[in-house]
Amino acid sequence: MTARHGFWLGLALGLTFALGFAAAVLVLPRAEAQSAPGTRWRYMTVRHGWDEGRWANEAGQNGWRFVGFDASSAHVLIFERPYE
């Protein structure tokens, strides 16, 4: 590859990055909270085993939604639901 080809490749990649960033900031809609202001949440942590997700399906049917996991242990999942 010649220096000229490297220049054009770098320029093309830089422009692609700049256009993607501009589209993400200016064009795409911003994410908004899905709950009403002042909503209070209950949280539940679960240390799970390999039961093919049966307990997670039951939790979902009871209004719990998965929001994350404990970074120090891949086996602890965190769920939330609004206070009733």
PDB file of N, CA and C in Angstrom:
ATOM      1  N   MET A   1       0.858  -1.173   0.000  1.00  0.00           N
ATOM      2  CA  MET A   1       0.000   0.000   0.000  1.00  0.00           C
ATOM      3  C   MET A   1       0.901   1.233   0.000  1.00  0.00           C
ATOM      4  N   THR A   2       0.578   2.145  -0.852  1.00  0.00           N
ATOM      5  CA  THR A   2       1.366   3.375  -0.919  1.00  0.00           C
ATOM      6  C   THR A   2       0.863   4.364   0.127  1.00  0.00           C
ATOM      7  N   ALA A   3       1.638   5.396   0.342  1.00  0.00           N
ATOM      8  CA  ALA A   3       1.252   6.427   1.310  1.00  0.00           C
ATOM      9  C   ALA A   3      -0.044   7.110   0.876  1.00  0.00           C
ATOM     10  N   ARG A   4      -0.234   7.259  -0.412  1.00  0.00           N
ATOM     11  CA  ARG A   4      -1.442   7.903  -0.926  1.00  0.00           C
ATOM     12  C   ARG A   4      -2.680   7.058  -0.608  1.00  0.00           C
ATOM     13  N   HIS A   5      -2.569   5.742  -0.781  1.00  0.00           N
ATOM     14  CA  HIS A   5      -3.692   4.861  -0.467  1.00  0.00           C
ATOM     15  C   HIS A   5      -4.004   4.898   1.034  1.00  0.00           C
ATOM     16  N   GLY A   6      -2.969   4.917   1.860  1.00  0.00           N
ATOM     17  CA  GLY A   6      -3.160   4.995   3.304  1.00  0.00           C
ATOM     18  C   GLY A   6      -3.857   6.277   3.716  1.00  0.00           C
ATOM     19  N   PHE A   7      -3.496   7.374   3.070  1.00  0.00           N
ATOM     20  CA  PHE A   7      -4.140   8.651   3.367  1.00  0.00           C
ATOM     21  C   PHE A   7      -5.628   8.585   3.063  1.00  0.00           C
ATOM     22  N   TRP A   8      -5.989   8.095   1.887  1.00  0.00           N
ATOM     23  CA  TRP A   8      -7.400   8.047   1.497  1.00  0.00           C
ATOM     24  C   TRP A   8      -8.189   7.068   2.365  1.00  0.00           C
ATOM     25  N   LEU A   9      -7.561   5.965   2.729  1.00  0.00           N
ATOM     26  CA  LEU A   9      -8.229   5.008   3.611  1.00  0.00           C
ATOM     27  C   LEU A   9      -8.478   5.638   4.979  1.00  0.00           C
ATOM     28  N   GLY A  10      -7.485   6.319   5.533  1.00  0.00           N
ATOM     29  CA  GLY A  10      -7.643   6.988   6.818  1.00  0.00           C
ATOM     30  C   GLY A  10      -8.700   8.076   6.764  1.00  0.00           C
ATOM     31  N   LEU A  11      -8.711   8.839   5.683  1.00  0.00           N
ATOM     32  CA  LEU A  11      -9.704   9.895   5.517  1.00  0.00           C
ATOM     33  C   LEU A  11     -11.113   9.304   5.438  1.00  0.00           C
ATOM     34  N   ALA A  12     -11.274   8.224   4.678  1.00  0.00           N
ATOM     35  CA  ALA A  12     -12.587   7.587   4.557  1.00  0.00           C
ATOM     36  C   ALA A  12     -13.061   7.051   5.905  1.00  0.00           C
ATOM     37  N   LEU A  13     -12.180   6.408   6.652  1.00  0.00           N
ATOM     38  CA  LEU A  13     -12.564   5.883   7.964  1.00  0.00           C
ATOM     39  C   LEU A  13     -12.907   7.013   8.927  1.00  0.00           C
ATOM     40  N   GLY A  14     -12.141   8.082   8.902  1.00  0.00           N
ATOM     41  CA  GLY A  14     -12.415   9.222   9.774  1.00  0.00           C
ATOM     42  C   GLY A  14     -13.750   9.870   9.463  1.00  0.00           C
ATOM     43  N   LEU A  15     -14.046  10.050   8.180  1.00  0.00           N
ATOM     44  CA  LEU A  15     -15.333  10.632   7.796  1.00  0.00           C
ATOM     45  C   LEU A  15     -16.502   9.726   8.171  1.00  0.00           C
ATOM     46  N   THR A  16     -16.321   8.418   8.005  1.00  0.00           N
ATOM     47  CA  THR A  16     -17.361   7.465   8.380  1.00  0.00           C
ATOM     48  C   THR A  16     -17.647   7.558   9.872  1.00  0.00           C
ATOM     49  N   PHE A  17     -16.595   7.611  10.686  1.00  0.00           N
ATOM     50  CA  PHE A  17     -16.766   7.742  12.130  1.00  0.00           C
ATOM     51  C   PHE A  17     -17.475   9.051  12.469  1.00  0.00           C
ATOM     52  N   ALA A  18     -17.050  10.151  11.858  1.00  0.00           N
ATOM     53  CA  ALA A  18     -17.639  11.456  12.152  1.00  0.00           C
ATOM     54  C   ALA A  18     -19.120  11.492  11.770  1.00  0.00           C
ATOM     55  N   LEU A  19     -19.474  10.922  10.624  1.00  0.00           N
ATOM     56  CA  LEU A  19     -20.877  10.901  10.202  1.00  0.00           C
ATOM     57  C   LEU A  19     -21.721  10.018  11.118  1.00  0.00           C
ATOM     58  N   GLY A  20     -21.178   8.876  11.537  1.00  0.00           N
ATOM     59  CA  GLY A  20     -21.896   8.003  12.463  1.00  0.00           C
ATOM     60  C   GLY A  20     -22.128   8.679  13.800  1.00  0.00           C
ATOM     61  N   PHE A  21     -21.126   9.373  14.306  1.00  0.00           N
ATOM     62  CA  PHE A  21     -21.264  10.085  15.568  1.00  0.00           C
ATOM     63  C   PHE A  21     -22.307  11.196  15.450  1.00  0.00           C
ATOM     64  N   ALA A  22     -22.253  11.955  14.363  1.00  0.00           N
ATOM     65  CA  ALA A  22     -23.215  13.038  14.161  1.00  0.00           C
ATOM     66  C   ALA A  22     -24.637  12.494  14.069  1.00  0.00           C
ATOM     67  N   ALA A  23     -24.814  11.367  13.383  1.00  0.00           N
ATOM     68  CA  ALA A  23     -26.145  10.766  13.274  1.00  0.00           C
ATOM     69  C   ALA A  23     -26.640  10.319  14.638  1.00  0.00           C
ATOM     70  N   ALA A  24     -25.766   9.732  15.435  1.00  0.00           N
ATOM     71  CA  ALA A  24     -26.165   9.252  16.759  1.00  0.00           C
ATOM     72  C   ALA A  24     -26.565  10.409  17.668  1.00  0.00           C
ATOM     73  N   VAL A  25     -25.893  11.527  17.567  1.00  0.00           N
ATOM     74  CA  VAL A  25     -26.159  12.658  18.453  1.00  0.00           C
ATOM     75  C   VAL A  25     -27.314  13.515  17.960  1.00  0.00           C
ATOM     76  N   LEU A  26     -27.377  13.750  16.657  1.00  0.00           N
ATOM     77  CA  LEU A  26     -28.338  14.710  16.123  1.00  0.00           C
ATOM     78  C   LEU A  26     -29.626  14.096  15.593  1.00  0.00           C
ATOM     79  N   VAL A  27     -29.580  12.884  15.083  1.00  0.00           N
ATOM     80  CA  VAL A  27     -30.725  12.318  14.380  1.00  0.00           C
ATOM     81  C   VAL A  27     -31.509  11.332  15.240  1.00  0.00           C
ATOM     82  N   LEU A  28     -30.826  10.438  15.922  1.00  0.00           N
ATOM     83  CA  LEU A  28     -31.506   9.390  16.664  1.00  0.00           C
ATOM     84  C   LEU A  28     -32.186   9.959  17.913  1.00  0.00           C
ATOM     85  N   PRO A  29     -33.367   9.451  18.259  1.00  0.00           N
ATOM     86  CA  PRO A  29     -34.061   9.962  19.452  1.00  0.00           C
ATOM     87  C   PRO A  29     -33.337   9.543  20.726  1.00  0.00           C
ATOM     88  N   ARG A  30     -33.436  10.370  21.730  1.00  0.00           N
ATOM     89  CA  ARG A  30     -32.820  10.059  23.024  1.00  0.00           C
ATOM     90  C   ARG A  30     -33.699   9.077  23.788  1.00  0.00           C
ATOM     91  N   ALA A  31     -33.065   8.220  24.556  1.00  0.00           N
ATOM     92  CA  ALA A  31     -33.796   7.275  25.392  1.00  0.00           C
ATOM     93  C   ALA A  31     -34.425   8.033  26.561  1.00  0.00           C
ATOM     94  N   GLU A  32     -35.615   7.642  26.932  1.00  0.00           N
ATOM     95  CA  GLU A  32     -36.306   8.278  28.045  1.00  0.00           C
ATOM     96  C   GLU A  32     -36.761   7.214  29.030  1.00  0.00           C
ATOM     97  N   ALA A  33     -36.928   7.612  30.259  1.00  0.00           N
ATOM     98  CA  ALA A  33     -37.388   6.692  31.290  1.00  0.00           C
ATOM     99  C   ALA A  33     -38.767   6.164  30.931  1.00  0.00           C
ATOM    100  N   GLN A  34     -39.013   4.910  31.278  1.00  0.00           N
ATOM    101  CA  GLN A  34     -40.283   4.286  30.953  1.00  0.00           C
ATOM    102  C   GLN A  34     -41.277   4.327  32.099  1.00  0.00           C
ATOM    103  N   SER A  35     -40.934   4.980  33.178  1.00  0.00           N
ATOM    104  CA  SER A  35     -41.843   5.031  34.314  1.00  0.00           C
ATOM    105  C   SER A  35     -42.154   6.486  34.665  1.00  0.00           C
ATOM    106  N   ALA A  36     -43.226   6.650  35.379  1.00  0.00           N
ATOM    107  CA  ALA A  36     -43.642   7.989  35.783  1.00  0.00           C
ATOM    108  C   ALA A  36     -42.669   8.546  36.820  1.00  0.00           C
ATOM    109  N   PRO A  37     -42.475   9.852  36.823  1.00  0.00           N
ATOM    110  CA  PRO A  37     -41.607  10.448  37.844  1.00  0.00           C
ATOM    111  C   PRO A  37     -42.117  10.119  39.241  1.00  0.00           C
ATOM    112  N   GLY A  38     -41.210   9.837  40.132  1.00  0.00           N
ATOM    113  CA  GLY A  38     -41.579   9.525  41.506  1.00  0.00           C
ATOM    114  C   GLY A  38     -41.920   8.063  41.748  1.00  0.00           C
ATOM    115  N   THR A  39     -41.821   7.221  40.721  1.00  0.00           N
ATOM    116  CA  THR A  39     -42.094   5.800  40.905  1.00  0.00           C
ATOM    117  C   THR A  39     -41.050   5.203  41.832  1.00  0.00           C
ATOM    118  N   ARG A  40     -41.506   4.453  42.829  1.00  0.00           N
ATOM    119  CA  ARG A  40     -40.589   3.769  43.735  1.00  0.00           C
ATOM    120  C   ARG A  40     -40.445   2.323  43.278  1.00  0.00           C
ATOM    121  N   TRP A  41     -39.237   1.796  43.334  1.00  0.00           N
ATOM    122  CA  TRP A  41     -38.952   0.467  42.826  1.00  0.00           C
ATOM    123  C   TRP A  41     -38.555  -0.482  43.936  1.00  0.00           C
ATOM    124  N   ARG A  42     -38.946  -1.723  43.789  1.00  0.00           N
ATOM    125  CA  ARG A  42     -38.486  -2.823  44.637  1.00  0.00           C
ATOM    126  C   ARG A  42     -37.451  -3.589  43.841  1.00  0.00           C
ATOM    127  N   TYR A  43     -36.437  -4.091  44.503  1.00  0.00           N
ATOM    128  CA  TYR A  43     -35.387  -4.844  43.833  1.00  0.00           C
ATOM    129  C   TYR A  43     -35.268  -6.230  44.441  1.00  0.00           C
ATOM    130  N   MET A  44     -34.889  -7.182  43.611  1.00  0.00           N
ATOM    131  CA  MET A  44     -34.708  -8.557  44.049  1.00  0.00           C
ATOM    132  C   MET A  44     -33.427  -9.082  43.412  1.00  0.00           C
ATOM    133  N   THR A  45     -32.596  -9.713  44.207  1.00  0.00           N
ATOM    134  CA  THR A  45     -31.417 -10.385  43.652  1.00  0.00           C
ATOM    135  C   THR A  45     -31.641 -11.883  43.755  1.00  0.00           C
ATOM    136  N   VAL A  46     -31.180 -12.591  42.732  1.00  0.00           N
ATOM    137  CA  VAL A  46     -31.389 -14.033  42.670  1.00  0.00           C
ATOM    138  C   VAL A  46     -30.068 -14.703  42.322  1.00  0.00           C
ATOM    139  N   ARG A  47     -29.683 -15.674  43.134  1.00  0.00           N
ATOM    140  CA  ARG A  47     -28.534 -16.515  42.785  1.00  0.00           C
ATOM    141  C   ARG A  47     -29.125 -17.709  42.047  1.00  0.00           C
ATOM    142  N   HIS A  48     -28.841 -17.799  40.772  1.00  0.00           N
ATOM    143  CA  HIS A  48     -29.513 -18.813  39.958  1.00  0.00           C
ATOM    144  C   HIS A  48     -28.608 -20.003  39.682  1.00  0.00           C
ATOM    145  N   GLY A  49     -29.267 -21.079  39.342  1.00  0.00           N
ATOM    146  CA  GLY A  49     -28.589 -22.290  38.891  1.00  0.00           C
ATOM    147  C   GLY A  49     -29.003 -22.565  37.460  1.00  0.00           C
ATOM    148  N   TRP A  50     -28.850 -23.766  37.023  1.00  0.00           N
ATOM    149  CA  TRP A  50     -29.172 -24.122  35.633  1.00  0.00           C
ATOM    150  C   TRP A  50     -30.509 -24.840  35.590  1.00  0.00           C
ATOM    151  N   ASP A  51     -31.604 -24.111  35.714  1.00  0.00           N
ATOM    152  CA  ASP A  51     -32.942 -24.707  35.647  1.00  0.00           C
ATOM    153  C   ASP A  51     -33.673 -24.289  34.373  1.00  0.00           C
ATOM    154  N   GLU A  52     -32.909 -23.898  33.359  1.00  0.00           N
ATOM    155  CA  GLU A  52     -33.442 -23.510  32.050  1.00  0.00           C
ATOM    156  C   GLU A  52     -34.371 -22.306  32.115  1.00  0.00           C
ATOM    157  N   GLY A  53     -34.188 -21.449  33.110  1.00  0.00           N
ATOM    158  CA  GLY A  53     -34.923 -20.192  33.172  1.00  0.00           C
ATOM    159  C   GLY A  53     -36.335 -20.281  33.689  1.00  0.00           C
ATOM    160  N   ARG A  54     -36.730 -21.421  34.254  1.00  0.00           N
ATOM    161  CA  ARG A  54     -38.118 -21.540  34.747  1.00  0.00           C
ATOM    162  C   ARG A  54     -38.421 -20.492  35.811  1.00  0.00           C
ATOM    163  N   TRP A  55     -37.504 -20.268  36.749  1.00  0.00           N
ATOM    164  CA  TRP A  55     -37.724 -19.280  37.809  1.00  0.00           C
ATOM    165  C   TRP A  55     -37.801 -17.875  37.233  1.00  0.00           C
ATOM    166  N   ALA A  56     -37.021 -17.589  36.163  1.00  0.00           N
ATOM    167  CA  ALA A  56     -37.062 -16.254  35.557  1.00  0.00           C
ATOM    168  C   ALA A  56     -38.407 -16.023  34.880  1.00  0.00           C
ATOM    169  N   ASN A  57     -38.964 -17.037  34.242  1.00  0.00           N
ATOM    170  CA  ASN A  57     -40.287 -16.901  33.635  1.00  0.00           C
ATOM    171  C   ASN A  57     -41.343 -16.643  34.690  1.00  0.00           C
ATOM    172  N   GLU A  58     -41.252 -17.327  35.828  1.00  0.00           N
ATOM    173  CA  GLU A  58     -42.203 -17.108  36.911  1.00  0.00           C
ATOM    174  C   GLU A  58     -42.070 -15.699  37.484  1.00  0.00           C
ATOM    175  N   ALA A  59     -40.825 -15.224  37.637  1.00  0.00           N
ATOM    176  CA  ALA A  59     -40.611 -13.858  38.132  1.00  0.00           C
ATOM    177  C   ALA A  59     -41.212 -12.839  37.163  1.00  0.00           C
ATOM    178  N   GLY A  60     -41.043 -13.060  35.857  1.00  0.00           N
ATOM    179  CA  GLY A  60     -41.613 -12.162  34.860  1.00  0.00           C
ATOM    180  C   GLY A  60     -43.130 -12.142  34.908  1.00  0.00           C
ATOM    181  N   GLN A  61     -43.738 -13.284  35.155  1.00  0.00           N
ATOM    182  CA  GLN A  61     -45.196 -13.340  35.262  1.00  0.00           C
ATOM    183  C   GLN A  61     -45.695 -12.611  36.501  1.00  0.00           C
ATOM    184  N   ASN A  62     -44.827 -12.464  37.495  1.00  0.00           N
ATOM    185  CA  ASN A  62     -45.183 -11.748  38.723  1.00  0.00           C
ATOM    186  C   ASN A  62     -44.791 -10.274  38.675  1.00  0.00           C
ATOM    187  N   GLY A  63     -44.412  -9.770  37.505  1.00  0.00           N
ATOM    188  CA  GLY A  63     -44.142  -8.350  37.338  1.00  0.00           C
ATOM    189  C   GLY A  63     -42.684  -7.933  37.474  1.00  0.00           C
ATOM    190  N   TRP A  64     -41.774  -8.871  37.729  1.00  0.00           N
ATOM    191  CA  TRP A  64     -40.357  -8.528  37.857  1.00  0.00           C
ATOM    192  C   TRP A  64     -39.735  -8.445  36.476  1.00  0.00           C
ATOM    193  N   ARG A  65     -38.817  -7.481  36.299  1.00  0.00           N
ATOM    194  CA  ARG A  65     -38.087  -7.396  35.034  1.00  0.00           C
ATOM    195  C   ARG A  65     -36.585  -7.377  35.327  1.00  0.00           C
ATOM    196  N   PHE A  66     -35.837  -8.036  34.467  1.00  0.00           N
ATOM    197  CA  PHE A  66     -34.390  -8.149  34.619  1.00  0.00           C
ATOM    198  C   PHE A  66     -33.745  -6.807  34.312  1.00  0.00           C
ATOM    199  N   VAL A  67     -32.848  -6.353  35.202  1.00  0.00           N
ATOM    200  CA  VAL A  67     -32.179  -5.074  34.973  1.00  0.00           C
ATOM    201  C   VAL A  67     -30.660  -5.195  34.965  1.00  0.00           C
ATOM    202  N   GLY A  68     -30.100  -6.316  35.382  1.00  0.00           N
ATOM    203  CA  GLY A  68     -28.649  -6.441  35.355  1.00  0.00           C
ATOM    204  C   GLY A  68     -28.166  -7.620  36.162  1.00  0.00           C
ATOM    205  N   PHE A  69     -26.848  -7.684  36.325  1.00  0.00           N
ATOM    206  CA  PHE A  69     -26.261  -8.749  37.113  1.00  0.00           C
ATOM    207  C   PHE A  69     -25.119  -8.189  37.936  1.00  0.00           C
ATOM    208  N   ASP A  70     -24.776  -8.889  38.988  1.00  0.00           N
ATOM    209  CA  ASP A  70     -23.675  -8.501  39.859  1.00  0.00           C
ATOM    210  C   ASP A  70     -22.374  -8.736  39.111  1.00  0.00           C
ATOM    211  N   ALA A  71     -21.578  -7.696  38.931  1.00  0.00           N
ATOM    212  CA  ALA A  71     -20.347  -7.805  38.152  1.00  0.00           C
ATOM    213  C   ALA A  71     -19.331  -8.724  38.806  1.00  0.00           C
ATOM    214  N   SER A  72     -19.437  -8.941  40.106  1.00  0.00           N
ATOM    215  CA  SER A  72     -18.472  -9.806  40.778  1.00  0.00           C
ATOM    216  C   SER A  72     -18.868 -11.275  40.695  1.00  0.00           C
ATOM    217  N   SER A  73     -20.085 -11.563  40.267  1.00  0.00           N
ATOM    218  CA  SER A  73     -20.548 -12.939  40.165  1.00  0.00           C
ATOM    219  C   SER A  73     -21.573 -13.035  39.043  1.00  0.00           C
ATOM    220  N   ALA A  74     -21.280 -13.858  38.059  1.00  0.00           N
ATOM    221  CA  ALA A  74     -22.193 -14.004  36.922  1.00  0.00           C
ATOM    222  C   ALA A  74     -23.458 -14.765  37.301  1.00  0.00           C
ATOM    223  N   HIS A  75     -23.537 -15.286  38.531  1.00  0.00           N
ATOM    224  CA  HIS A  75     -24.689 -16.075  38.937  1.00  0.00           C
ATOM    225  C   HIS A  75     -25.688 -15.303  39.783  1.00  0.00           C
ATOM    226  N   VAL A  76     -25.478 -13.992  39.995  1.00  0.00           N
ATOM    227  CA  VAL A  76     -26.423 -13.183  40.758  1.00  0.00           C
ATOM    228  C   VAL A  76     -27.081 -12.197  39.802  1.00  0.00           C
ATOM    229  N   LEU A  77     -28.384 -12.347  39.622  1.00  0.00           N
ATOM    230  CA  LEU A  77     -29.147 -11.495  38.708  1.00  0.00           C
ATOM    231  C   LEU A  77     -29.982 -10.513  39.519  1.00  0.00           C
ATOM    232  N   ILE A  78     -30.235  -9.331  38.942  1.00  0.00           N
ATOM    233  CA  ILE A  78     -30.980  -8.276  39.626  1.00  0.00           C
ATOM    234  C   ILE A  78     -32.258  -7.984  38.842  1.00  0.00           C
ATOM    235  N   PHE A  79     -33.390  -7.957  39.565  1.00  0.00           N
ATOM    236  CA  PHE A  79     -34.689  -7.672  38.983  1.00  0.00           C
ATOM    237  C   PHE A  79     -35.309  -6.486  39.706  1.00  0.00           C
ATOM    238  N   GLU A  80     -36.274  -5.830  39.041  1.00  0.00           N
ATOM    239  CA  GLU A  80     -36.994  -4.729  39.660  1.00  0.00           C
ATOM    240  C   GLU A  80     -38.452  -4.776  39.262  1.00  0.00           C
ATOM    241  N   ARG A  81     -39.289  -4.141  40.112  1.00  0.00           N
ATOM    242  CA  ARG A  81     -40.700  -3.909  39.775  1.00  0.00           C
ATOM    243  C   ARG A  81     -41.184  -2.765  40.650  1.00  0.00           C
ATOM    244  N   PRO A  82     -42.188  -2.021  40.191  1.00  0.00           N
ATOM    245  CA  PRO A  82     -42.688  -0.902  40.993  1.00  0.00           C
ATOM    246  C   PRO A  82     -43.391  -1.404  42.245  1.00  0.00           C
ATOM    247  N   TYR A  83     -43.341  -0.564  43.309  1.00  0.00           N
ATOM    248  CA  TYR A  83     -44.129  -0.863  44.505  1.00  0.00           C
ATOM    249  C   TYR A  83     -45.593  -0.858  44.129  1.00  0.00           C
ATOM    250  N   GLU A  84     -46.342  -1.724  44.737  1.00  0.00           N
ATOM    251  CA  GLU A  84     -47.787  -1.796  44.444  1.00  0.00           C
ATOM    252  C   GLU A  84     -48.575  -1.063  45.490  1.00  0.00           C
TER     253      GLU A  84
END
